[in-house]
Amino acid sequence: MKLSIEYFALLKDQRGCSSETLETNAATPRDLYTQLAEQHAFSLPPESLKVAINEEFADWSHSLSEGDTVVFIPPVAGG
């Protein structure tokens, strides 16, 4: 299925882009993040991230569907 992925903060830096569209067989956000982390050497474990699907926070076990937009949100610090 084709998904749109958006990255922020450290993940954006590690990926080298803020968004992409990709074909995947990942069934859940956790599967997708595991796939992406292996491909792009992401340093953050999924437990430290929030995930949103189509602009709503979601559980890591939520089923993905064709055309979904998935956003991985790392912790941010302010000052």
PDB file of N, CA and C in Angstrom:
ATOM      1  N   MET A   1       0.841  -1.182   0.000  1.00  0.00           N
ATOM      2  CA  MET A   1       0.000   0.000   0.000  1.00  0.00           C
ATOM      3  C   MET A   1       0.882   1.241   0.000  1.00  0.00           C
ATOM      4  N   LYS A   2       0.332   2.329  -0.457  1.00  0.00           N
ATOM      5  CA  LYS A   2       1.072   3.583  -0.517  1.00  0.00           C
ATOM      6  C   LYS A   2       0.677   4.451   0.674  1.00  0.00           C
ATOM      7  N   LEU A   3       1.688   4.939   1.414  1.00  0.00           N
ATOM      8  CA  LEU A   3       1.477   5.795   2.581  1.00  0.00           C
ATOM      9  C   LEU A   3       2.298   7.066   2.450  1.00  0.00           C
ATOM     10  N   SER A   4       1.819   8.132   3.070  1.00  0.00           N
ATOM     11  CA  SER A   4       2.592   9.363   3.205  1.00  0.00           C
ATOM     12  C   SER A   4       3.160   9.384   4.612  1.00  0.00           C
ATOM     13  N   ILE A   5       4.453   9.666   4.721  1.00  0.00           N
ATOM     14  CA  ILE A   5       5.135   9.687   6.011  1.00  0.00           C
ATOM     15  C   ILE A   5       5.668  11.092   6.239  1.00  0.00           C
ATOM     16  N   GLU A   6       5.499  11.613   7.450  1.00  0.00           N
ATOM     17  CA  GLU A   6       6.051  12.913   7.823  1.00  0.00           C
ATOM     18  C   GLU A   6       6.982  12.733   9.012  1.00  0.00           C
ATOM     19  N   TYR A   7       8.095  13.475   8.968  1.00  0.00           N
ATOM     20  CA  TYR A   7       9.114  13.399  10.018  1.00  0.00           C
ATOM     21  C   TYR A   7       9.332  14.769  10.630  1.00  0.00           C
ATOM     22  N   PHE A   8       9.626  14.784  11.929  1.00  0.00           N
ATOM     23  CA  PHE A   8       9.914  16.023  12.635  1.00  0.00           C
ATOM     24  C   PHE A   8      11.171  15.858  13.473  1.00  0.00           C
ATOM     25  N   ALA A   9      11.791  16.986  13.797  1.00  0.00           N
ATOM     26  CA  ALA A   9      12.915  17.068  14.735  1.00  0.00           C
ATOM     27  C   ALA A   9      14.025  16.077  14.367  1.00  0.00           C
ATOM     28  N   LEU A  10      14.461  15.261  15.319  1.00  0.00           N
ATOM     29  CA  LEU A  10      15.585  14.356  15.115  1.00  0.00           C
ATOM     30  C   LEU A  10      15.337  13.385  13.959  1.00  0.00           C
ATOM     31  N   LEU A  11      14.125  12.874  13.833  1.00  0.00           N
ATOM     32  CA  LEU A  11      13.838  11.950  12.735  1.00  0.00           C
ATOM     33  C   LEU A  11      13.973  12.634  11.380  1.00  0.00           C
ATOM     34  N   LYS A  12      13.556  13.872  11.302  1.00  0.00           N
ATOM     35  CA  LYS A  12      13.714  14.652  10.071  1.00  0.00           C
ATOM     36  C   LYS A  12      15.198  14.791   9.744  1.00  0.00           C
ATOM     37  N   ASP A  13      16.012  15.080  10.743  1.00  0.00           N
ATOM     38  CA  ASP A  13      17.459  15.211  10.532  1.00  0.00           C
ATOM     39  C   ASP A  13      18.072  13.882  10.104  1.00  0.00           C
ATOM     40  N   GLN A  14      17.688  12.796  10.765  1.00  0.00           N
ATOM     41  CA  GLN A  14      18.267  11.499  10.448  1.00  0.00           C
ATOM     42  C   GLN A  14      17.811  10.991   9.081  1.00  0.00           C
ATOM     43  N   ARG A  15      16.601  11.296   8.682  1.00  0.00           N
ATOM     44  CA  ARG A  15      16.088  10.867   7.382  1.00  0.00           C
ATOM     45  C   ARG A  15      16.580  11.775   6.263  1.00  0.00           C
ATOM     46  N   GLY A  16      16.797  13.040   6.575  1.00  0.00           N
ATOM     47  CA  GLY A  16      17.249  13.980   5.558  1.00  0.00           C
ATOM     48  C   GLY A  16      16.124  14.589   4.750  1.00  0.00           C
ATOM     49  N   CYS A  17      14.894  14.414   5.208  1.00  0.00           N
ATOM     50  CA  CYS A  17      13.745  15.040   4.550  1.00  0.00           C
ATOM     51  C   CYS A  17      12.600  15.119   5.551  1.00  0.00           C
ATOM     52  N   SER A  18      11.622  15.950   5.240  1.00  0.00           N
ATOM     53  CA  SER A  18      10.504  16.120   6.169  1.00  0.00           C
ATOM     54  C   SER A  18       9.309  15.243   5.829  1.00  0.00           C
ATOM     55  N   SER A  19       9.274  14.716   4.595  1.00  0.00           N
ATOM     56  CA  SER A  19       8.153  13.847   4.225  1.00  0.00           C
ATOM     57  C   SER A  19       8.523  13.009   3.010  1.00  0.00           C
ATOM     58  N   GLU A  20       7.778  11.930   2.839  1.00  0.00           N
ATOM     59  CA  GLU A  20       7.959  11.069   1.675  1.00  0.00           C
ATOM     60  C   GLU A  20       6.713  10.218   1.501  1.00  0.00           C
ATOM     61  N   THR A  21       6.548   9.692   0.312  1.00  0.00           N
ATOM     62  CA  THR A  21       5.504   8.730   0.017  1.00  0.00           C
ATOM     63  C   THR A  21       6.197   7.425  -0.314  1.00  0.00           C
ATOM     64  N   LEU A  22       5.707   6.331   0.267  1.00  0.00           N
ATOM     65  CA  LEU A  22       6.363   5.059  -0.003  1.00  0.00           C
ATOM     66  C   LEU A  22       5.377   3.913  -0.067  1.00  0.00           C
ATOM     67  N   GLU A  23       5.800   2.854  -0.741  1.00  0.00           N
ATOM     68  CA  GLU A  23       5.052   1.604  -0.814  1.00  0.00           C
ATOM     69  C   GLU A  23       5.549   0.705   0.314  1.00  0.00           C
ATOM     70  N   THR A  24       4.633   0.094   1.046  1.00  0.00           N
ATOM     71  CA  THR A  24       5.018  -0.769   2.156  1.00  0.00           C
ATOM     72  C   THR A  24       3.983  -1.866   2.356  1.00  0.00           C
ATOM     73  N   ASN A  25       4.409  -2.924   2.999  1.00  0.00           N
ATOM     74  CA  ASN A  25       3.500  -3.990   3.418  1.00  0.00           C
ATOM     75  C   ASN A  25       3.246  -3.930   4.917  1.00  0.00           C
ATOM     76  N   ALA A  26       3.738  -2.878   5.580  1.00  0.00           N
ATOM     77  CA  ALA A  26       3.580  -2.737   7.030  1.00  0.00           C
ATOM     78  C   ALA A  26       2.094  -2.684   7.383  1.00  0.00           C
ATOM     79  N   ALA A  27       1.707  -3.464   8.377  1.00  0.00           N
ATOM     80  CA  ALA A  27       0.302  -3.521   8.781  1.00  0.00           C
ATOM     81  C   ALA A  27      -0.044  -2.498   9.849  1.00  0.00           C
ATOM     82  N   THR A  28       0.964  -2.090  10.642  1.00  0.00           N
ATOM     83  CA  THR A  28       0.735  -1.173  11.762  1.00  0.00           C
ATOM     84  C   THR A  28       1.827  -0.103  11.769  1.00  0.00           C
ATOM     85  N   PRO A  29       1.604   0.989  12.507  1.00  0.00           N
ATOM     86  CA  PRO A  29       2.666   1.987  12.636  1.00  0.00           C
ATOM     87  C   PRO A  29       3.954   1.398  13.227  1.00  0.00           C
ATOM     88  N   ARG A  30       3.836   0.460  14.158  1.00  0.00           N
ATOM     89  CA  ARG A  30       5.032  -0.164  14.740  1.00  0.00           C
ATOM     90  C   ARG A  30       5.813  -0.915  13.663  1.00  0.00           C
ATOM     91  N   ASP A  31       5.123  -1.673  12.818  1.00  0.00           N
ATOM     92  CA  ASP A  31       5.785  -2.377  11.717  1.00  0.00           C
ATOM     93  C   ASP A  31       6.464  -1.381  10.782  1.00  0.00           C
ATOM     94  N   LEU A  32       5.766  -0.301  10.479  1.00  0.00           N
ATOM     95  CA  LEU A  32       6.307   0.708   9.581  1.00  0.00           C
ATOM     96  C   LEU A  32       7.542   1.365  10.181  1.00  0.00           C
ATOM     97  N   TYR A  33       7.462   1.737  11.460  1.00  0.00           N
ATOM     98  CA  TYR A  33       8.614   2.380  12.085  1.00  0.00           C
ATOM     99  C   TYR A  33       9.805   1.426  12.152  1.00  0.00           C
ATOM    100  N   THR A  34       9.562   0.168  12.444  1.00  0.00           N
ATOM    101  CA  THR A  34      10.651  -0.817  12.471  1.00  0.00           C
ATOM    102  C   THR A  34      11.322  -0.896  11.110  1.00  0.00           C
ATOM    103  N   GLN A  35      10.531  -0.940  10.054  1.00  0.00           N
ATOM    104  CA  GLN A  35      11.063  -0.967   8.685  1.00  0.00           C
ATOM    105  C   GLN A  35      11.893   0.283   8.397  1.00  0.00           C
ATOM    106  N   LEU A  36      11.352   1.452   8.721  1.00  0.00           N
ATOM    107  CA  LEU A  36      12.043   2.713   8.445  1.00  0.00           C
ATOM    108  C   LEU A  36      13.300   2.855   9.298  1.00  0.00           C
ATOM    109  N   ALA A  37      13.233   2.430  10.558  1.00  0.00           N
ATOM    110  CA  ALA A  37      14.389   2.538  11.450  1.00  0.00           C
ATOM    111  C   ALA A  37      15.549   1.685  10.936  1.00  0.00           C
ATOM    112  N   GLU A  38      15.235   0.516  10.392  1.00  0.00           N
ATOM    113  CA  GLU A  38      16.282  -0.336   9.821  1.00  0.00           C
ATOM    114  C   GLU A  38      16.875   0.294   8.574  1.00  0.00           C
ATOM    115  N   GLN A  39      16.046   0.886   7.735  1.00  0.00           N
ATOM    116  CA  GLN A  39      16.510   1.494   6.485  1.00  0.00           C
ATOM    117  C   GLN A  39      17.321   2.761   6.712  1.00  0.00           C
ATOM    118  N   HIS A  40      16.939   3.548   7.717  1.00  0.00           N
ATOM    119  CA  HIS A  40      17.522   4.888   7.877  1.00  0.00           C
ATOM    120  C   HIS A  40      18.288   5.075   9.177  1.00  0.00           C
ATOM    121  N   ALA A  41      18.493   3.999   9.922  1.00  0.00           N
ATOM    122  CA  ALA A  41      19.271   4.029  11.170  1.00  0.00           C
ATOM    123  C   ALA A  41      18.729   5.052  12.177  1.00  0.00           C
ATOM    124  N   PHE A  42      17.401   5.084  12.341  1.00  0.00           N
ATOM    125  CA  PHE A  42      16.820   5.968  13.346  1.00  0.00           C
ATOM    126  C   PHE A  42      17.310   5.542  14.724  1.00  0.00           C
ATOM    127  N   SER A  43      17.655   6.507  15.545  1.00  0.00           N
ATOM    128  CA  SER A  43      18.220   6.209  16.858  1.00  0.00           C
ATOM    129  C   SER A  43      17.175   6.142  17.975  1.00  0.00           C
ATOM    130  N   LEU A  44      15.960   6.594  17.707  1.00  0.00           N
ATOM    131  CA  LEU A  44      14.924   6.622  18.751  1.00  0.00           C
ATOM    132  C   LEU A  44      14.100   5.344  18.743  1.00  0.00           C
ATOM    133  N   PRO A  45      13.893   4.736  19.919  1.00  0.00           N
ATOM    134  CA  PRO A  45      13.015   3.570  19.978  1.00  0.00           C
ATOM    135  C   PRO A  45      11.557   4.031  19.866  1.00  0.00           C
ATOM    136  N   PRO A  46      10.679   3.174  19.373  1.00  0.00           N
ATOM    137  CA  PRO A  46       9.279   3.585  19.216  1.00  0.00           C
ATOM    138  C   PRO A  46       8.624   4.017  20.523  1.00  0.00           C
ATOM    139  N   GLU A  47       9.097   3.469  21.640  1.00  0.00           N
ATOM    140  CA  GLU A  47       8.510   3.824  22.933  1.00  0.00           C
ATOM    141  C   GLU A  47       8.689   5.303  23.279  1.00  0.00           C
ATOM    142  N   SER A  48       9.644   5.973  22.645  1.00  0.00           N
ATOM    143  CA  SER A  48       9.880   7.388  22.941  1.00  0.00           C
ATOM    144  C   SER A  48       9.132   8.313  21.976  1.00  0.00           C
ATOM    145  N   LEU A  49       8.364   7.742  21.067  1.00  0.00           N
ATOM    146  CA  LEU A  49       7.650   8.516  20.051  1.00  0.00           C
ATOM    147  C   LEU A  49       6.152   8.438  20.244  1.00  0.00           C
ATOM    148  N   LYS A  50       5.464   9.420  19.691  1.00  0.00           N
ATOM    149  CA  LYS A  50       4.017   9.364  19.514  1.00  0.00           C
ATOM    150  C   LYS A  50       3.785   9.133  18.022  1.00  0.00           C
ATOM    151  N   VAL A  51       2.657   8.558  17.686  1.00  0.00           N
ATOM    152  CA  VAL A  51       2.316   8.352  16.284  1.00  0.00           C
ATOM    153  C   VAL A  51       0.929   8.926  16.028  1.00  0.00           C
ATOM    154  N   ALA A  52       0.784   9.547  14.871  1.00  0.00           N
ATOM    155  CA  ALA A  52      -0.516  10.062  14.443  1.00  0.00           C
ATOM    156  C   ALA A  52      -0.812   9.516  13.051  1.00  0.00           C
ATOM    157  N   ILE A  53      -2.066   9.190  12.836  1.00  0.00           N
ATOM    158  CA  ILE A  53      -2.517   8.713  11.534  1.00  0.00           C
ATOM    159  C   ILE A  53      -3.646   9.621  11.088  1.00  0.00           C
ATOM    160  N   ASN A  54      -3.462  10.230   9.927  1.00  0.00           N
ATOM    161  CA  ASN A  54      -4.471  11.142   9.375  1.00  0.00           C
ATOM    162  C   ASN A  54      -4.874  12.218  10.382  1.00  0.00           C
ATOM    163  N   GLU A  55      -3.850  12.813  11.000  1.00  0.00           N
ATOM    164  CA  GLU A  55      -3.987  13.954  11.908  1.00  0.00           C
ATOM    165  C   GLU A  55      -4.636  13.627  13.251  1.00  0.00           C
ATOM    166  N   GLU A  56      -4.681  12.349  13.635  1.00  0.00           N
ATOM    167  CA  GLU A  56      -5.197  11.971  14.947  1.00  0.00           C
ATOM    168  C   GLU A  56      -4.195  11.042  15.621  1.00  0.00           C
ATOM    169  N   PHE A  57      -3.925  11.277  16.903  1.00  0.00           N
ATOM    170  CA  PHE A  57      -3.044  10.371  17.625  1.00  0.00           C
ATOM    171  C   PHE A  57      -3.612   8.963  17.557  1.00  0.00           C
ATOM    172  N   ALA A  58      -2.732   7.992  17.434  1.00  0.00           N
ATOM    173  CA  ALA A  58      -3.165   6.611  17.273  1.00  0.00           C
ATOM    174  C   ALA A  58      -2.288   5.686  18.108  1.00  0.00           C
ATOM    175  N   ASP A  59      -2.774   4.487  18.290  1.00  0.00           N
ATOM    176  CA  ASP A  59      -2.032   3.438  18.972  1.00  0.00           C
ATOM    177  C   ASP A  59      -1.060   2.802  17.979  1.00  0.00           C
ATOM    178  N   TRP A  60       0.050   2.308  18.486  1.00  0.00           N
ATOM    179  CA  TRP A  60       1.067   1.678  17.633  1.00  0.00           C
ATOM    180  C   TRP A  60       0.541   0.425  16.941  1.00  0.00           C
ATOM    181  N   SER A  61      -0.560  -0.153  17.413  1.00  0.00           N
ATOM    182  CA  SER A  61      -1.105  -1.369  16.816  1.00  0.00           C
ATOM    183  C   SER A  61      -2.277  -1.083  15.864  1.00  0.00           C
ATOM    184  N   HIS A  62      -2.586   0.190  15.632  1.00  0.00           N
ATOM    185  CA  HIS A  62      -3.668   0.590  14.729  1.00  0.00           C
ATOM    186  C   HIS A  62      -3.387   0.061  13.320  1.00  0.00           C
ATOM    187  N   SER A  63      -4.391  -0.435  12.638  1.00  0.00           N
ATOM    188  CA  SER A  63      -4.210  -0.940  11.274  1.00  0.00           C
ATOM    189  C   SER A  63      -4.045   0.213  10.289  1.00  0.00           C
ATOM    190  N   LEU A  64      -3.041   0.093   9.435  1.00  0.00           N
ATOM    191  CA  LEU A  64      -2.812   1.087   8.392  1.00  0.00           C
ATOM    192  C   LEU A  64      -3.646   0.753   7.164  1.00  0.00           C
ATOM    193  N   SER A  65      -4.033   1.801   6.417  1.00  0.00           N
ATOM    194  CA  SER A  65      -4.823   1.637   5.204  1.00  0.00           C
ATOM    195  C   SER A  65      -4.194   2.430   4.075  1.00  0.00           C
ATOM    196  N   GLU A  66      -4.475   2.012   2.861  1.00  0.00           N
ATOM    197  CA  GLU A  66      -3.998   2.700   1.667  1.00  0.00           C
ATOM    198  C   GLU A  66      -4.281   4.201   1.770  1.00  0.00           C
ATOM    199  N   GLY A  67      -3.267   5.015   1.498  1.00  0.00           N
ATOM    200  CA  GLY A  67      -3.435   6.461   1.471  1.00  0.00           C
ATOM    201  C   GLY A  67      -3.300   7.166   2.808  1.00  0.00           C
ATOM    202  N   ASP A  68      -3.086   6.420   3.896  1.00  0.00           N
ATOM    203  CA  ASP A  68      -2.928   7.051   5.205  1.00  0.00           C
ATOM    204  C   ASP A  68      -1.710   7.968   5.232  1.00  0.00           C
ATOM    205  N   THR A  69      -1.796   9.005   6.050  1.00  0.00           N
ATOM    206  CA  THR A  69      -0.645   9.841   6.369  1.00  0.00           C
ATOM    207  C   THR A  69      -0.230   9.507   7.790  1.00  0.00           C
ATOM    208  N   VAL A  70       1.029   9.098   7.931  1.00  0.00           N
ATOM    209  CA  VAL A  70       1.555   8.686   9.233  1.00  0.00           C
ATOM    210  C   VAL A  70       2.620   9.677   9.660  1.00  0.00           C
ATOM    211  N   VAL A  71       2.507  10.142  10.895  1.00  0.00           N
ATOM    212  CA  VAL A  71       3.475  11.095  11.445  1.00  0.00           C
ATOM    213  C   VAL A  71       4.085  10.485  12.701  1.00  0.00           C
ATOM    214  N   PHE A  72       5.410  10.434  12.723  1.00  0.00           N
ATOM    215  CA  PHE A  72       6.133   9.991  13.915  1.00  0.00           C
ATOM    216  C   PHE A  72       6.628  11.230  14.629  1.00  0.00           C
ATOM    217  N   ILE A  73       6.242  11.388  15.903  1.00  0.00           N
ATOM    218  CA  ILE A  73       6.504  12.616  16.645  1.00  0.00           C
ATOM    219  C   ILE A  73       7.488  12.318  17.783  1.00  0.00           C
ATOM    220  N   PRO A  74       8.718  12.781  17.642  1.00  0.00           N
ATOM    221  CA  PRO A  74       9.705  12.541  18.700  1.00  0.00           C
ATOM    222  C   PRO A  74       9.512  13.528  19.851  1.00  0.00           C
ATOM    223  N   PRO A  75      10.121  13.222  20.996  1.00  0.00           N
ATOM    224  CA  PRO A  75      10.054  14.183  22.095  1.00  0.00           C
ATOM    225  C   PRO A  75      10.777  15.470  21.709  1.00  0.00           C
ATOM    226  N   VAL A  76      10.251  16.564  22.167  1.00  0.00           N
ATOM    227  CA  VAL A  76      10.887  17.859  21.878  1.00  0.00           C
ATOM    228  C   VAL A  76      11.170  18.572  23.189  1.00  0.00           C
ATOM    229  N   ALA A  77      12.221  19.360  23.170  1.00  0.00           N
ATOM    230  CA  ALA A  77      12.587  20.146  24.347  1.00  0.00           C
ATOM    231  C   ALA A  77      12.542  21.616  23.971  1.00  0.00           C
ATOM    232  N   GLY A  78      12.138  22.404  24.893  1.00  0.00           N
ATOM    233  CA  GLY A  78      12.088  23.842  24.649  1.00  0.00           C
ATOM    234  C   GLY A  78      12.954  24.567  25.655  1.00  0.00           C
ATOM    235  N   GLY A  79      13.161  25.800  25.397  1.00  0.00           N
ATOM    236  CA  GLY A  79      13.988  26.537  26.336  1.00  0.00           C
ATOM    237  C   GLY A  79      13.731  27.998  26.270  1.00  0.00           C
TER     238      GLY A  79
END
